[in-house]
Amino acid sequence: MAGLLILTAALLLLQIAKRQGVVNPENTFFSVKRFIGRKMAEVGSESQQVPYRLADSAGAVKIKSSNAGKDFSPEEISAQVLRKLVDDAAKFLNDKVCQPTWN
């Protein structure tokens, strides 16, 4: 579950987010890549498999966050996960990560 994210005052990723997801499931976002580039009409059954709420924004899928008080696109959530991973890698390496590679 590399894409597990909770939107709070600080972004929580991976194991910390997984533990927090038990008590805060509606603000724990995972498997958001399945919604990228798809219309709300296409994800009817899949939207029932996640504990967070989805919204229809001119046909596009938006993810509702009550903690942040706004709706996010799946692309925004994925970008936040990647940004946090790059920041954590830079802290671990004690160096700037300029060109991360995603495999």
N, C-alpha and C. Protein backbone atom coordinates (compact mmCIF):
# COMPACT_ATOMS: atom_id res chain seq x y z
N MET A 1 0.83 -1.19 0.00
CA MET A 1 0.00 0.00 0.00
C MET A 1 0.86 1.25 0.00
N ALA A 2 1.66 1.42 -1.02
CA ALA A 2 2.57 2.54 -1.09
C ALA A 2 1.84 3.87 -1.20
N GLY A 3 0.60 3.87 -1.63
CA GLY A 3 -0.11 5.11 -1.84
C GLY A 3 -1.08 5.46 -0.73
N LEU A 4 -0.82 5.04 0.47
CA LEU A 4 -1.71 5.31 1.58
C LEU A 4 -1.42 6.69 2.14
N LEU A 5 -2.44 7.51 2.26
CA LEU A 5 -2.25 8.90 2.66
C LEU A 5 -3.39 9.36 3.54
N ILE A 6 -3.05 10.11 4.57
CA ILE A 6 -4.05 10.77 5.40
C ILE A 6 -3.77 12.26 5.35
N LEU A 7 -4.80 13.03 5.06
CA LEU A 7 -4.65 14.48 5.05
C LEU A 7 -5.00 15.02 6.43
N THR A 8 -4.00 15.46 7.13
CA THR A 8 -4.17 16.13 8.42
C THR A 8 -3.30 17.36 8.38
N ALA A 9 -2.97 17.90 9.52
CA ALA A 9 -2.06 19.04 9.54
C ALA A 9 -0.72 18.65 8.92
N ALA A 10 -0.32 17.40 9.11
CA ALA A 10 0.89 16.87 8.48
C ALA A 10 0.47 15.62 7.70
N LEU A 11 1.08 15.42 6.55
CA LEU A 11 0.77 14.24 5.77
C LEU A 11 1.35 13.01 6.45
N LEU A 12 0.56 11.97 6.53
CA LEU A 12 1.02 10.71 7.10
C LEU A 12 1.06 9.69 5.98
N LEU A 13 2.14 8.94 5.90
CA LEU A 13 2.28 7.95 4.84
C LEU A 13 2.57 6.58 5.41
N LEU A 14 2.24 5.59 4.63
CA LEU A 14 2.59 4.20 4.81
C LEU A 14 2.10 3.63 6.14
N GLN A 15 2.98 3.07 6.97
CA GLN A 15 2.54 2.36 8.17
C GLN A 15 1.80 3.26 9.15
N ILE A 16 2.26 4.49 9.30
CA ILE A 16 1.59 5.43 10.21
C ILE A 16 0.17 5.69 9.72
N ALA A 17 0.02 5.91 8.42
CA ALA A 17 -1.30 6.17 7.85
C ALA A 17 -2.18 4.93 7.95
N LYS A 18 -1.60 3.77 7.78
CA LYS A 18 -2.36 2.52 7.87
C LYS A 18 -2.95 2.35 9.27
N ARG A 19 -2.15 2.64 10.29
CA ARG A 19 -2.66 2.56 11.67
C ARG A 19 -3.73 3.61 11.92
N GLN A 20 -3.51 4.84 11.45
CA GLN A 20 -4.47 5.92 11.65
C GLN A 20 -5.76 5.66 10.89
N GLY A 21 -5.67 4.93 9.78
CA GLY A 21 -6.83 4.63 8.97
C GLY A 21 -7.91 3.84 9.69
N VAL A 22 -7.55 3.17 10.75
CA VAL A 22 -8.53 2.40 11.53
C VAL A 22 -9.50 3.34 12.24
N VAL A 23 -8.99 4.45 12.75
CA VAL A 23 -9.85 5.39 13.48
C VAL A 23 -10.33 6.55 12.61
N ASN A 24 -9.74 6.73 11.44
CA ASN A 24 -10.10 7.85 10.58
C ASN A 24 -10.21 7.39 9.11
N PRO A 25 -11.08 6.43 8.82
CA PRO A 25 -11.12 5.84 7.47
C PRO A 25 -11.57 6.81 6.38
N GLU A 26 -12.43 7.77 6.71
CA GLU A 26 -12.94 8.67 5.66
C GLU A 26 -11.90 9.68 5.20
N ASN A 27 -10.80 9.81 5.93
CA ASN A 27 -9.72 10.71 5.53
C ASN A 27 -8.42 9.95 5.25
N THR A 28 -8.52 8.65 5.05
CA THR A 28 -7.37 7.83 4.69
C THR A 28 -7.55 7.41 3.24
N PHE A 29 -6.72 7.94 2.37
CA PHE A 29 -6.89 7.72 0.93
C PHE A 29 -5.89 6.69 0.43
N PHE A 30 -6.39 5.69 -0.23
CA PHE A 30 -5.56 4.64 -0.83
C PHE A 30 -6.20 4.23 -2.14
N SER A 31 -5.42 3.61 -2.99
CA SER A 31 -5.89 3.14 -4.30
C SER A 31 -6.51 4.26 -5.13
N VAL A 32 -5.99 5.46 -5.01
CA VAL A 32 -6.56 6.57 -5.77
C VAL A 32 -6.17 6.52 -7.24
N LYS A 33 -5.11 5.79 -7.57
CA LYS A 33 -4.68 5.73 -8.97
C LYS A 33 -5.77 5.11 -9.85
N ARG A 34 -6.61 4.28 -9.28
CA ARG A 34 -7.69 3.66 -10.07
C ARG A 34 -8.70 4.69 -10.57
N PHE A 35 -8.71 5.88 -9.96
CA PHE A 35 -9.66 6.92 -10.36
C PHE A 35 -9.06 7.95 -11.31
N ILE A 36 -7.75 7.90 -11.54
CA ILE A 36 -7.10 8.88 -12.41
C ILE A 36 -7.58 8.73 -13.85
N GLY A 37 -8.02 9.84 -14.42
CA GLY A 37 -8.44 9.86 -15.81
C GLY A 37 -9.78 9.23 -16.09
N ARG A 38 -10.54 8.93 -15.05
CA ARG A 38 -11.85 8.30 -15.25
C ARG A 38 -12.96 9.25 -14.85
N LYS A 39 -14.11 9.04 -15.44
CA LYS A 39 -15.30 9.83 -15.13
C LYS A 39 -16.05 9.17 -13.98
N MET A 40 -16.82 9.97 -13.28
CA MET A 40 -17.58 9.46 -12.13
C MET A 40 -18.53 8.34 -12.54
N ALA A 41 -19.09 8.44 -13.74
CA ALA A 41 -20.02 7.41 -14.21
C ALA A 41 -19.34 6.06 -14.40
N GLU A 42 -18.02 6.05 -14.58
CA GLU A 42 -17.27 4.81 -14.81
C GLU A 42 -16.86 4.10 -13.54
N VAL A 43 -16.93 4.75 -12.40
CA VAL A 43 -16.39 4.18 -11.16
C VAL A 43 -17.45 3.85 -10.12
N GLY A 44 -18.66 3.61 -10.56
CA GLY A 44 -19.76 3.36 -9.63
C GLY A 44 -19.50 2.26 -8.63
N SER A 45 -19.16 1.06 -9.10
CA SER A 45 -18.94 -0.06 -8.18
C SER A 45 -17.64 0.10 -7.39
N GLU A 46 -16.62 0.68 -8.01
CA GLU A 46 -15.34 0.85 -7.32
C GLU A 46 -15.43 1.88 -6.20
N SER A 47 -16.32 2.86 -6.35
CA SER A 47 -16.45 3.87 -5.32
C SER A 47 -17.04 3.29 -4.03
N GLN A 48 -17.70 2.15 -4.13
CA GLN A 48 -18.27 1.49 -2.95
C GLN A 48 -17.22 0.69 -2.18
N GLN A 49 -16.04 0.49 -2.77
CA GLN A 49 -15.00 -0.33 -2.15
C GLN A 49 -14.02 0.48 -1.30
N VAL A 50 -14.17 1.78 -1.26
CA VAL A 50 -13.27 2.63 -0.48
C VAL A 50 -14.06 3.35 0.60
N PRO A 51 -13.45 3.59 1.78
CA PRO A 51 -14.19 4.23 2.87
C PRO A 51 -14.32 5.74 2.73
N TYR A 52 -13.53 6.35 1.86
CA TYR A 52 -13.62 7.80 1.67
C TYR A 52 -14.70 8.11 0.64
N ARG A 53 -15.17 9.37 0.65
CA ARG A 53 -16.26 9.76 -0.23
C ARG A 53 -15.72 10.38 -1.51
N LEU A 54 -16.40 10.07 -2.59
CA LEU A 54 -16.07 10.63 -3.89
C LEU A 54 -17.16 11.61 -4.29
N ALA A 55 -16.78 12.62 -5.05
CA ALA A 55 -17.74 13.61 -5.53
C ALA A 55 -17.60 13.73 -7.04
N ASP A 56 -18.68 14.16 -7.65
CA ASP A 56 -18.70 14.37 -9.10
C ASP A 56 -18.48 15.86 -9.36
N SER A 57 -17.43 16.17 -10.10
CA SER A 57 -17.12 17.56 -10.43
C SER A 57 -17.07 17.67 -11.94
N ALA A 58 -18.18 18.05 -12.53
CA ALA A 58 -18.30 18.16 -13.99
C ALA A 58 -17.92 16.83 -14.65
N GLY A 59 -18.35 15.75 -14.04
CA GLY A 59 -18.09 14.42 -14.58
C GLY A 59 -16.83 13.78 -14.06
N ALA A 60 -15.87 14.59 -13.60
CA ALA A 60 -14.59 14.06 -13.11
C ALA A 60 -14.72 13.61 -11.65
N VAL A 61 -13.88 12.67 -11.27
CA VAL A 61 -13.87 12.16 -9.90
C VAL A 61 -13.08 13.11 -9.01
N LYS A 62 -13.66 13.47 -7.88
CA LYS A 62 -12.98 14.24 -6.84
C LYS A 62 -13.08 13.48 -5.54
N ILE A 63 -12.06 13.58 -4.71
CA ILE A 63 -12.03 12.90 -3.42
C ILE A 63 -12.28 13.93 -2.34
N LYS A 64 -13.31 13.69 -1.52
CA LYS A 64 -13.69 14.64 -0.48
C LYS A 64 -12.84 14.43 0.77
N SER A 65 -12.31 15.52 1.29
CA SER A 65 -11.53 15.47 2.53
C SER A 65 -12.18 16.40 3.54
N SER A 66 -12.76 15.83 4.59
CA SER A 66 -13.38 16.67 5.61
C SER A 66 -12.31 17.36 6.46
N ASN A 67 -11.13 16.74 6.62
CA ASN A 67 -10.05 17.39 7.38
C ASN A 67 -9.56 18.64 6.68
N ALA A 68 -9.35 18.57 5.38
CA ALA A 68 -8.86 19.73 4.63
C ALA A 68 -10.00 20.66 4.23
N GLY A 69 -11.22 20.17 4.26
CA GLY A 69 -12.37 21.00 3.90
C GLY A 69 -12.46 21.29 2.42
N LYS A 70 -11.93 20.40 1.58
CA LYS A 70 -12.02 20.61 0.14
C LYS A 70 -11.97 19.27 -0.58
N ASP A 71 -12.18 19.34 -1.88
CA ASP A 71 -12.12 18.15 -2.72
C ASP A 71 -10.80 18.13 -3.48
N PHE A 72 -10.23 16.95 -3.62
CA PHE A 72 -8.97 16.78 -4.34
C PHE A 72 -9.17 15.86 -5.53
N SER A 73 -8.43 16.11 -6.59
CA SER A 73 -8.44 15.19 -7.71
C SER A 73 -7.51 14.03 -7.36
N PRO A 74 -7.70 12.86 -7.96
CA PRO A 74 -6.80 11.74 -7.70
C PRO A 74 -5.35 12.08 -8.04
N GLU A 75 -5.16 12.91 -9.06
CA GLU A 75 -3.81 13.33 -9.43
C GLU A 75 -3.14 14.14 -8.32
N GLU A 76 -3.92 15.00 -7.64
CA GLU A 76 -3.37 15.79 -6.55
C GLU A 76 -2.93 14.90 -5.39
N ILE A 77 -3.73 13.89 -5.06
CA ILE A 77 -3.39 12.97 -3.98
C ILE A 77 -2.11 12.21 -4.33
N SER A 78 -2.02 11.70 -5.55
CA SER A 78 -0.83 10.98 -5.99
C SER A 78 0.40 11.88 -5.95
N ALA A 79 0.25 13.12 -6.36
CA ALA A 79 1.37 14.07 -6.34
C ALA A 79 1.83 14.34 -4.91
N GLN A 80 0.89 14.43 -3.97
CA GLN A 80 1.25 14.66 -2.57
C GLN A 80 2.03 13.47 -2.00
N VAL A 81 1.62 12.26 -2.37
CA VAL A 81 2.32 11.06 -1.91
C VAL A 81 3.76 11.07 -2.45
N LEU A 82 3.91 11.33 -3.73
CA LEU A 82 5.24 11.35 -4.34
C LEU A 82 6.12 12.46 -3.75
N ARG A 83 5.52 13.62 -3.54
CA ARG A 83 6.26 14.74 -2.96
C ARG A 83 6.77 14.39 -1.56
N LYS A 84 5.91 13.76 -0.76
CA LYS A 84 6.30 13.38 0.60
C LYS A 84 7.40 12.32 0.57
N LEU A 85 7.32 11.36 -0.35
CA LEU A 85 8.36 10.34 -0.47
C LEU A 85 9.70 10.96 -0.86
N VAL A 86 9.69 11.92 -1.78
CA VAL A 86 10.92 12.61 -2.18
C VAL A 86 11.49 13.39 -1.00
N ASP A 87 10.65 14.08 -0.26
CA ASP A 87 11.11 14.84 0.90
C ASP A 87 11.73 13.91 1.95
N ASP A 88 11.08 12.78 2.21
CA ASP A 88 11.60 11.82 3.19
C ASP A 88 12.93 11.23 2.71
N ALA A 89 13.04 10.94 1.42
CA ALA A 89 14.29 10.41 0.87
C ALA A 89 15.41 11.44 1.01
N ALA A 90 15.11 12.70 0.75
CA ALA A 90 16.11 13.76 0.88
C ALA A 90 16.59 13.88 2.32
N LYS A 91 15.67 13.78 3.28
CA LYS A 91 16.05 13.84 4.69
C LYS A 91 16.93 12.65 5.06
N PHE A 92 16.57 11.48 4.59
CA PHE A 92 17.33 10.28 4.89
C PHE A 92 18.74 10.35 4.30
N LEU A 93 18.83 10.83 3.07
CA LEU A 93 20.12 10.92 2.39
C LEU A 93 20.92 12.15 2.79
N ASN A 94 20.25 13.07 3.48
CA ASN A 94 20.85 14.35 3.85
C ASN A 94 21.38 15.07 2.61
N ASP A 95 20.60 14.99 1.54
CA ASP A 95 20.97 15.61 0.27
C ASP A 95 19.68 15.86 -0.50
N LYS A 96 19.74 16.78 -1.44
CA LYS A 96 18.59 17.10 -2.26
C LYS A 96 18.37 16.00 -3.31
N VAL A 97 17.12 15.59 -3.48
CA VAL A 97 16.77 14.62 -4.52
C VAL A 97 16.25 15.41 -5.71
N CYS A 98 17.04 15.41 -6.79
CA CYS A 98 16.71 16.24 -7.95
C CYS A 98 15.90 15.52 -9.00
N GLN A 99 16.23 14.27 -9.26
CA GLN A 99 15.56 13.53 -10.32
C GLN A 99 15.15 12.14 -9.82
N PRO A 100 14.03 12.08 -9.07
CA PRO A 100 13.60 10.77 -8.58
C PRO A 100 13.13 9.90 -9.75
N THR A 101 13.34 8.63 -9.62
CA THR A 101 12.92 7.66 -10.64
C THR A 101 11.86 6.77 -10.04
N TRP A 102 10.73 6.64 -10.71
CA TRP A 102 9.63 5.81 -10.22
C TRP A 102 9.52 4.60 -11.11
N ASN A 103 9.71 3.44 -10.55
CA ASN A 103 9.58 2.19 -11.30
C ASN A 103 8.34 1.44 -10.88
